[in-house]
Amino acid sequence: EVTFFCVPGYDLVGESSVTCMGDGTWSESVPVCTEVKCPAQAAPSNGAKIGGNSYNNVVTFMCVSGYHLVGSSSAMCQGDGTWTAPTPTCPGE
């Protein structure tokens, strides 16, 4: 029997354990690891964002001149596919 696992930031797709059968075949298909992605965060109205949405990526938010940032200026994509902070807003001053 072989047990598979994925490094942080990847999800196992398929059975975590497979057995070599007497006829030389595996009991299940060999699983694969797929990269964790967070839902894409939109830029705030009157603002912009920079960054990707893969595991450990950091998105940085900013507001255009005349608006101020309310909320976190950055968020990180976590291993469970969620962000560490919601999208901030950029209300007028």
Foldseek 3Di string as FASTA:
>chain_A
DAADDDDQQWDKDWDRDWDQDPVRDIPTPDIDIHGAFAPDAAAAVQWHWDWGTTAQIKIAIDHDPQWHWDWDRIWGQHSVRYIPTHHIHTDGD
